[in-house]
N, C-alpha and C. Protein backbone atom coordinates (compact mmCIF):
# COMPACT_ATOMS: atom_id res chain seq x y z
N MET A 1 93.63 63.46 66.13
CA MET A 1 93.82 63.80 67.71
C MET A 1 92.63 64.58 68.11
N VAL A 2 92.15 64.30 69.27
CA VAL A 2 91.02 64.90 69.95
C VAL A 2 91.58 65.66 71.21
N VAL A 3 91.20 66.95 71.25
CA VAL A 3 91.75 67.75 72.37
C VAL A 3 90.48 68.34 73.15
N SER A 4 90.28 68.04 74.35
CA SER A 4 89.22 68.68 75.06
C SER A 4 89.66 69.26 76.35
N ALA A 5 89.11 70.35 76.67
CA ALA A 5 89.41 71.13 77.92
C ALA A 5 88.38 70.65 78.95
N LEU A 6 88.97 70.44 80.17
CA LEU A 6 88.23 70.01 81.30
C LEU A 6 88.50 70.99 82.46
N ASN A 7 87.58 70.95 83.49
CA ASN A 7 87.86 71.73 84.71
C ASN A 7 88.32 73.23 84.59
N ASP A 8 87.48 74.02 83.99
CA ASP A 8 87.83 75.48 83.84
C ASP A 8 89.07 75.74 83.10
N ASN A 9 89.38 74.91 82.04
CA ASN A 9 90.53 75.17 81.23
C ASN A 9 91.87 74.86 81.90
N LEU A 10 91.90 74.08 82.89
CA LEU A 10 93.12 73.70 83.59
C LEU A 10 93.58 72.21 83.31
N ASP A 11 92.72 71.42 82.86
CA ASP A 11 93.17 70.06 82.51
C ASP A 11 92.82 69.98 81.08
N TYR A 12 93.81 69.25 80.35
CA TYR A 12 93.59 69.05 78.97
C TYR A 12 93.70 67.47 78.73
N GLU A 13 92.84 66.99 77.92
CA GLU A 13 92.87 65.57 77.70
C GLU A 13 93.25 65.34 76.15
N PHE A 14 94.24 64.66 75.82
CA PHE A 14 94.71 64.39 74.51
C PHE A 14 94.40 62.98 74.23
N GLN A 15 93.64 62.62 73.22
CA GLN A 15 93.38 61.23 72.70
C GLN A 15 94.00 61.26 71.36
N ILE A 16 94.95 60.40 71.01
CA ILE A 16 95.65 60.26 69.85
C ILE A 16 95.37 58.93 69.21
N GLU A 17 95.03 58.92 68.03
CA GLU A 17 94.95 57.65 67.15
C GLU A 17 95.74 57.72 65.93
N ALA A 18 96.51 56.76 65.67
CA ALA A 18 97.33 56.60 64.50
C ALA A 18 97.31 55.28 63.90
N LYS A 19 97.36 55.13 62.58
CA LYS A 19 97.38 53.72 61.99
C LYS A 19 98.73 53.53 61.52
N ASN A 20 99.16 52.29 61.67
CA ASN A 20 100.36 51.82 61.09
C ASN A 20 100.07 50.43 60.34
N ASN A 21 101.14 49.80 59.93
CA ASN A 21 100.87 48.49 59.27
C ASN A 21 100.34 47.44 60.20
N GLU A 22 100.44 47.54 61.41
CA GLU A 22 99.92 46.52 62.40
C GLU A 22 98.53 46.98 62.95
N GLY A 23 97.96 47.96 62.54
CA GLY A 23 96.68 48.44 63.04
C GLY A 23 96.69 49.83 63.63
N VAL A 24 95.68 50.09 64.51
CA VAL A 24 95.51 51.36 65.16
C VAL A 24 96.23 51.35 66.46
N ILE A 25 97.03 52.59 66.68
CA ILE A 25 97.57 52.77 67.93
C ILE A 25 96.88 53.88 68.69
N LYS A 26 96.40 53.69 69.99
CA LYS A 26 95.67 54.63 70.66
C LYS A 26 96.53 55.09 71.97
N SER A 27 96.47 56.22 72.20
CA SER A 27 97.10 56.90 73.43
C SER A 27 96.22 57.83 74.03
N HIS A 28 96.30 58.02 75.31
CA HIS A 28 95.44 58.91 76.06
C HIS A 28 96.37 59.59 77.13
N LEU A 29 96.31 61.02 77.13
CA LEU A 29 97.20 61.73 78.08
C LEU A 29 96.30 62.78 78.64
N VAL A 30 96.45 63.06 79.92
CA VAL A 30 95.83 64.12 80.64
C VAL A 30 96.97 65.03 81.23
N PHE A 31 96.93 66.27 80.92
CA PHE A 31 97.82 67.20 81.48
C PHE A 31 97.12 68.42 82.29
N ARG A 32 97.76 68.88 83.29
CA ARG A 32 97.28 69.89 84.13
C ARG A 32 98.06 71.17 83.79
N GLU A 33 97.37 72.17 83.38
CA GLU A 33 98.19 73.44 83.18
C GLU A 33 98.09 74.28 84.38
N LYS A 34 99.15 74.97 84.68
CA LYS A 34 99.30 75.70 85.83
C LYS A 34 99.55 77.20 85.31
N CYS A 35 98.62 78.09 85.74
CA CYS A 35 98.67 79.49 85.49
C CYS A 35 98.30 79.91 83.97
N CYS A 36 98.52 79.02 83.12
CA CYS A 36 98.06 79.16 81.67
C CYS A 36 98.79 80.45 81.03
N PRO A 37 100.14 80.42 80.88
CA PRO A 37 100.76 81.57 80.34
C PRO A 37 100.31 81.78 78.85
N SER A 38 100.48 83.03 78.39
CA SER A 38 100.11 83.34 77.03
C SER A 38 101.15 83.00 76.12
N ILE A 39 101.12 82.03 75.44
CA ILE A 39 102.13 81.45 74.42
C ILE A 39 101.73 81.57 73.07
N ILE A 40 102.52 81.91 72.13
CA ILE A 40 102.35 81.91 70.77
C ILE A 40 103.20 80.81 70.14
N VAL A 41 102.69 80.10 69.26
CA VAL A 41 103.55 79.01 68.61
C VAL A 41 103.21 79.19 67.09
N HIS A 42 104.33 79.39 66.37
CA HIS A 42 104.05 79.55 64.88
C HIS A 42 105.30 79.19 64.11
N PRO A 43 105.16 78.82 62.92
CA PRO A 43 103.89 78.46 62.30
C PRO A 43 103.33 77.16 62.89
N ASN A 44 102.15 76.92 62.67
CA ASN A 44 101.46 75.59 63.11
C ASN A 44 100.35 75.41 62.12
N PRO A 45 100.52 74.47 61.21
CA PRO A 45 101.45 73.34 61.00
C PRO A 45 102.82 74.07 60.62
N ALA A 46 103.94 73.31 60.98
CA ALA A 46 105.36 73.73 60.77
C ALA A 46 106.01 72.78 59.93
N LEU A 47 107.08 73.37 59.24
CA LEU A 47 107.78 72.59 58.30
C LEU A 47 109.24 72.28 58.70
N ASN A 48 110.10 73.26 58.92
CA ASN A 48 111.45 73.08 59.36
C ASN A 48 111.76 73.66 60.73
N THR A 49 111.15 74.82 61.06
CA THR A 49 111.36 75.59 62.25
C THR A 49 110.12 75.81 62.97
N LEU A 50 110.04 75.73 64.29
CA LEU A 50 108.93 76.14 65.15
C LEU A 50 109.38 77.16 66.05
N THR A 51 108.67 78.26 66.11
CA THR A 51 109.04 79.38 67.11
C THR A 51 108.04 79.41 68.21
N VAL A 52 108.56 79.46 69.43
CA VAL A 52 107.65 79.60 70.68
C VAL A 52 108.03 80.93 71.30
N GLN A 53 106.96 81.67 71.56
CA GLN A 53 107.07 83.03 72.02
C GLN A 53 106.12 83.30 73.15
N SER A 54 106.61 83.99 74.21
CA SER A 54 105.84 84.32 75.42
C SER A 54 105.17 85.70 75.07
N GLU A 55 103.87 85.82 75.16
CA GLU A 55 102.99 87.11 74.88
C GLU A 55 103.37 88.23 75.90
N ASN A 56 103.66 87.71 77.11
CA ASN A 56 103.86 88.66 78.21
C ASN A 56 105.36 88.86 78.49
N THR A 57 105.71 89.52 79.39
CA THR A 57 107.18 89.80 79.80
C THR A 57 107.85 88.69 80.64
N THR A 58 107.16 87.61 80.74
CA THR A 58 107.82 86.48 81.47
C THR A 58 108.73 85.68 80.57
N ALA A 59 109.93 85.34 80.94
CA ALA A 59 110.84 84.51 80.10
C ALA A 59 110.45 83.09 80.16
N LEU A 60 110.94 82.42 79.06
CA LEU A 60 110.74 81.07 78.89
C LEU A 60 111.81 80.21 79.74
N LYS A 61 111.46 79.12 80.38
CA LYS A 61 112.41 78.31 81.17
C LYS A 61 112.75 77.10 80.42
N GLU A 62 111.78 76.33 79.93
CA GLU A 62 112.00 75.15 79.23
C GLU A 62 110.81 74.82 78.25
N VAL A 63 111.28 74.10 77.07
CA VAL A 63 110.26 73.68 76.08
C VAL A 63 110.59 72.16 75.84
N THR A 64 109.47 71.39 75.73
CA THR A 64 109.64 70.03 75.31
C THR A 64 108.61 69.70 74.27
N LEU A 65 109.03 69.20 73.20
CA LEU A 65 108.19 68.67 72.01
C LEU A 65 108.32 67.22 71.95
N PHE A 66 107.21 66.52 71.98
CA PHE A 66 107.31 64.94 71.76
C PHE A 66 106.08 64.44 71.22
N ASN A 67 106.31 63.21 70.74
CA ASN A 67 105.27 62.43 70.07
C ASN A 67 105.06 61.21 70.93
N ASN A 68 103.90 61.27 71.58
CA ASN A 68 103.61 60.11 72.52
C ASN A 68 103.51 58.75 71.89
N LEU A 69 103.38 58.73 70.58
CA LEU A 69 103.45 57.32 69.91
C LEU A 69 104.77 56.90 69.66
N ASP A 70 105.81 57.74 69.79
CA ASP A 70 107.20 57.25 69.60
C ASP A 70 107.96 58.00 70.58
N PRO A 71 108.39 57.52 71.76
CA PRO A 71 109.17 58.22 72.83
C PRO A 71 110.58 58.52 72.34
N ASN A 72 111.13 57.97 71.22
CA ASN A 72 112.32 58.31 70.73
C ASN A 72 112.44 59.67 70.05
N ILE A 73 111.32 60.27 69.62
CA ILE A 73 111.12 61.47 69.00
C ILE A 73 110.72 62.54 70.06
N THR A 74 111.88 63.09 70.59
CA THR A 74 111.56 64.12 71.64
C THR A 74 112.68 65.27 71.54
N LEU A 75 112.25 66.48 71.71
CA LEU A 75 113.16 67.57 71.73
C LEU A 75 112.94 68.43 72.91
N HIS A 76 114.01 68.50 73.81
CA HIS A 76 113.81 69.19 75.09
C HIS A 76 114.88 70.26 75.02
N ARG A 77 114.53 71.54 75.36
CA ARG A 77 115.42 72.69 75.41
C ARG A 77 115.23 73.31 76.80
N GLN A 78 116.33 73.32 77.62
CA GLN A 78 116.33 74.07 78.90
C GLN A 78 117.00 75.35 78.58
N ILE A 79 116.33 76.51 78.98
CA ILE A 79 116.85 77.81 78.65
C ILE A 79 117.66 78.24 79.81
N GLU A 80 118.92 78.74 79.57
CA GLU A 80 119.87 78.95 80.68
C GLU A 80 119.87 80.33 81.10
N ASN A 81 119.35 81.34 80.38
CA ASN A 81 119.20 82.72 80.87
C ASN A 81 117.89 82.95 81.37
N ASP A 82 117.61 84.20 81.79
CA ASP A 82 116.33 84.44 82.41
C ASP A 82 115.72 85.59 81.74
N VAL A 83 116.04 85.83 80.39
CA VAL A 83 115.43 86.83 79.62
C VAL A 83 114.86 86.38 78.28
N THR A 84 115.05 85.23 77.98
CA THR A 84 114.57 84.63 76.65
C THR A 84 113.00 84.60 76.47
N GLN A 85 112.53 85.42 75.71
CA GLN A 85 110.91 85.34 75.58
C GLN A 85 110.55 84.57 74.36
N ASN A 86 111.49 84.20 73.44
CA ASN A 86 111.14 83.38 72.27
C ASN A 86 112.26 82.41 72.02
N ILE A 87 111.96 81.38 71.35
CA ILE A 87 112.98 80.34 71.02
C ILE A 87 112.47 79.68 69.70
N SER A 88 113.49 79.35 68.89
CA SER A 88 113.21 78.69 67.65
C SER A 88 113.75 77.22 67.77
N LEU A 89 112.89 76.32 67.34
CA LEU A 89 113.34 74.87 67.44
C LEU A 89 113.41 74.30 66.10
N ASP A 90 114.56 73.66 65.74
CA ASP A 90 114.89 73.01 64.43
C ASP A 90 114.16 71.69 64.49
N ILE A 91 113.01 71.58 63.59
CA ILE A 91 112.24 70.33 63.64
C ILE A 91 112.34 69.60 62.28
N SER A 92 113.39 70.02 61.41
CA SER A 92 113.61 69.53 60.15
C SER A 92 113.80 68.10 60.03
N THR A 93 114.32 67.52 61.16
CA THR A 93 114.47 65.97 61.10
C THR A 93 113.31 65.22 61.63
N PHE A 94 112.37 65.86 62.15
CA PHE A 94 111.13 65.17 62.76
C PHE A 94 110.28 64.68 61.68
N PRO A 95 109.87 63.41 61.79
CA PRO A 95 108.81 62.86 60.85
C PRO A 95 107.40 63.76 61.00
N GLN A 96 106.66 63.65 59.87
CA GLN A 96 105.39 64.36 59.88
C GLN A 96 104.43 63.74 60.95
N GLY A 97 103.66 64.55 61.60
CA GLY A 97 102.79 63.99 62.62
C GLY A 97 102.36 65.09 63.41
N THR A 98 101.54 64.65 64.51
CA THR A 98 101.03 65.52 65.53
C THR A 98 101.78 65.36 66.76
N TYR A 99 102.30 66.43 67.40
CA TYR A 99 103.11 66.49 68.57
C TYR A 99 102.46 67.21 69.58
N LEU A 100 102.96 67.06 70.84
CA LEU A 100 102.65 67.94 72.03
C LEU A 100 103.84 68.81 72.43
N LEU A 101 103.47 70.13 72.60
CA LEU A 101 104.53 71.02 73.08
C LEU A 101 104.14 71.41 74.51
N ILE A 102 105.11 71.23 75.40
CA ILE A 102 105.01 71.74 76.81
C ILE A 102 105.97 72.90 76.94
N VAL A 103 105.41 74.01 77.41
CA VAL A 103 106.18 75.20 77.60
C VAL A 103 106.04 75.62 79.13
N ILE A 104 107.18 75.85 79.68
CA ILE A 104 107.22 76.26 81.14
C ILE A 104 108.04 77.55 81.21
N ASP A 105 107.42 78.63 81.85
CA ASP A 105 108.00 79.92 82.00
C ASP A 105 108.82 79.93 83.34
N LEU A 106 109.44 81.08 83.59
CA LEU A 106 110.23 81.34 84.79
C LEU A 106 109.44 81.26 86.11
N GLN A 107 108.16 81.60 85.95
CA GLN A 107 107.35 81.61 87.17
C GLN A 107 106.74 80.19 87.49
N GLY A 108 107.16 79.25 86.64
CA GLY A 108 106.72 77.85 86.78
C GLY A 108 105.32 77.46 86.31
N CYS A 109 104.81 78.50 85.48
CA CYS A 109 103.61 78.31 84.75
C CYS A 109 103.74 77.46 83.56
N SER A 110 102.83 76.55 83.22
CA SER A 110 103.02 75.65 82.13
C SER A 110 101.82 75.76 81.15
N LYS A 111 102.05 75.32 79.91
CA LYS A 111 101.10 75.26 78.94
C LYS A 111 101.37 74.16 78.00
N VAL A 112 100.26 73.43 77.57
CA VAL A 112 100.46 72.28 76.61
C VAL A 112 99.72 72.60 75.38
N LEU A 113 100.41 72.35 74.21
CA LEU A 113 99.77 72.83 72.94
C LEU A 113 100.01 71.69 71.89
N PRO A 114 99.05 71.45 71.10
CA PRO A 114 99.29 70.49 69.94
C PRO A 114 99.94 71.21 68.80
N VAL A 115 100.97 70.50 68.21
CA VAL A 115 101.78 71.04 67.07
C VAL A 115 101.69 70.03 66.01
N VAL A 116 101.49 70.43 64.74
CA VAL A 116 101.51 69.64 63.52
C VAL A 116 102.78 69.95 62.80
N ILE A 117 103.51 68.74 62.49
CA ILE A 117 104.73 68.98 61.70
C ILE A 117 104.31 68.41 60.32
N ILE A 118 104.64 69.07 59.28
CA ILE A 118 104.46 68.53 57.90
C ILE A 118 105.72 68.45 57.08
N LEU A 119 105.68 67.56 56.06
CA LEU A 119 106.96 67.45 55.26
C LEU A 119 106.74 68.22 53.92
N GLU A 120 107.93 68.67 53.52
CA GLU A 120 107.89 69.52 52.24
C GLU A 120 107.52 68.55 51.09
N ASP A 121 106.75 69.08 50.18
CA ASP A 121 106.39 68.30 48.93
C ASP A 121 107.55 68.08 48.04
């Protein structure tokens, strides 16, 4: 996975390459971040649980974790209250790989982060 920042850290370009039995799959995504909230994601790489936390006092509104190579592998959480500053995601059933995490806070600010999910030995 190649990640590069463009235009003063507001645009992110994700180029993903993966090999399967039929050859190489390539995908290209460009996201625009708005406001760039301070978000901590840990652990990364993750095994069973991924925690998303806002560093400032702004509450989280929604979190989406997806694998662009397989649209069936998606986790979306809409947060119903306006005070949640951290959320834990159960990723224990997700296959190993590189995912994109989109976090939106109550002010409408968004952040896109790469996340690596690993399998237990």
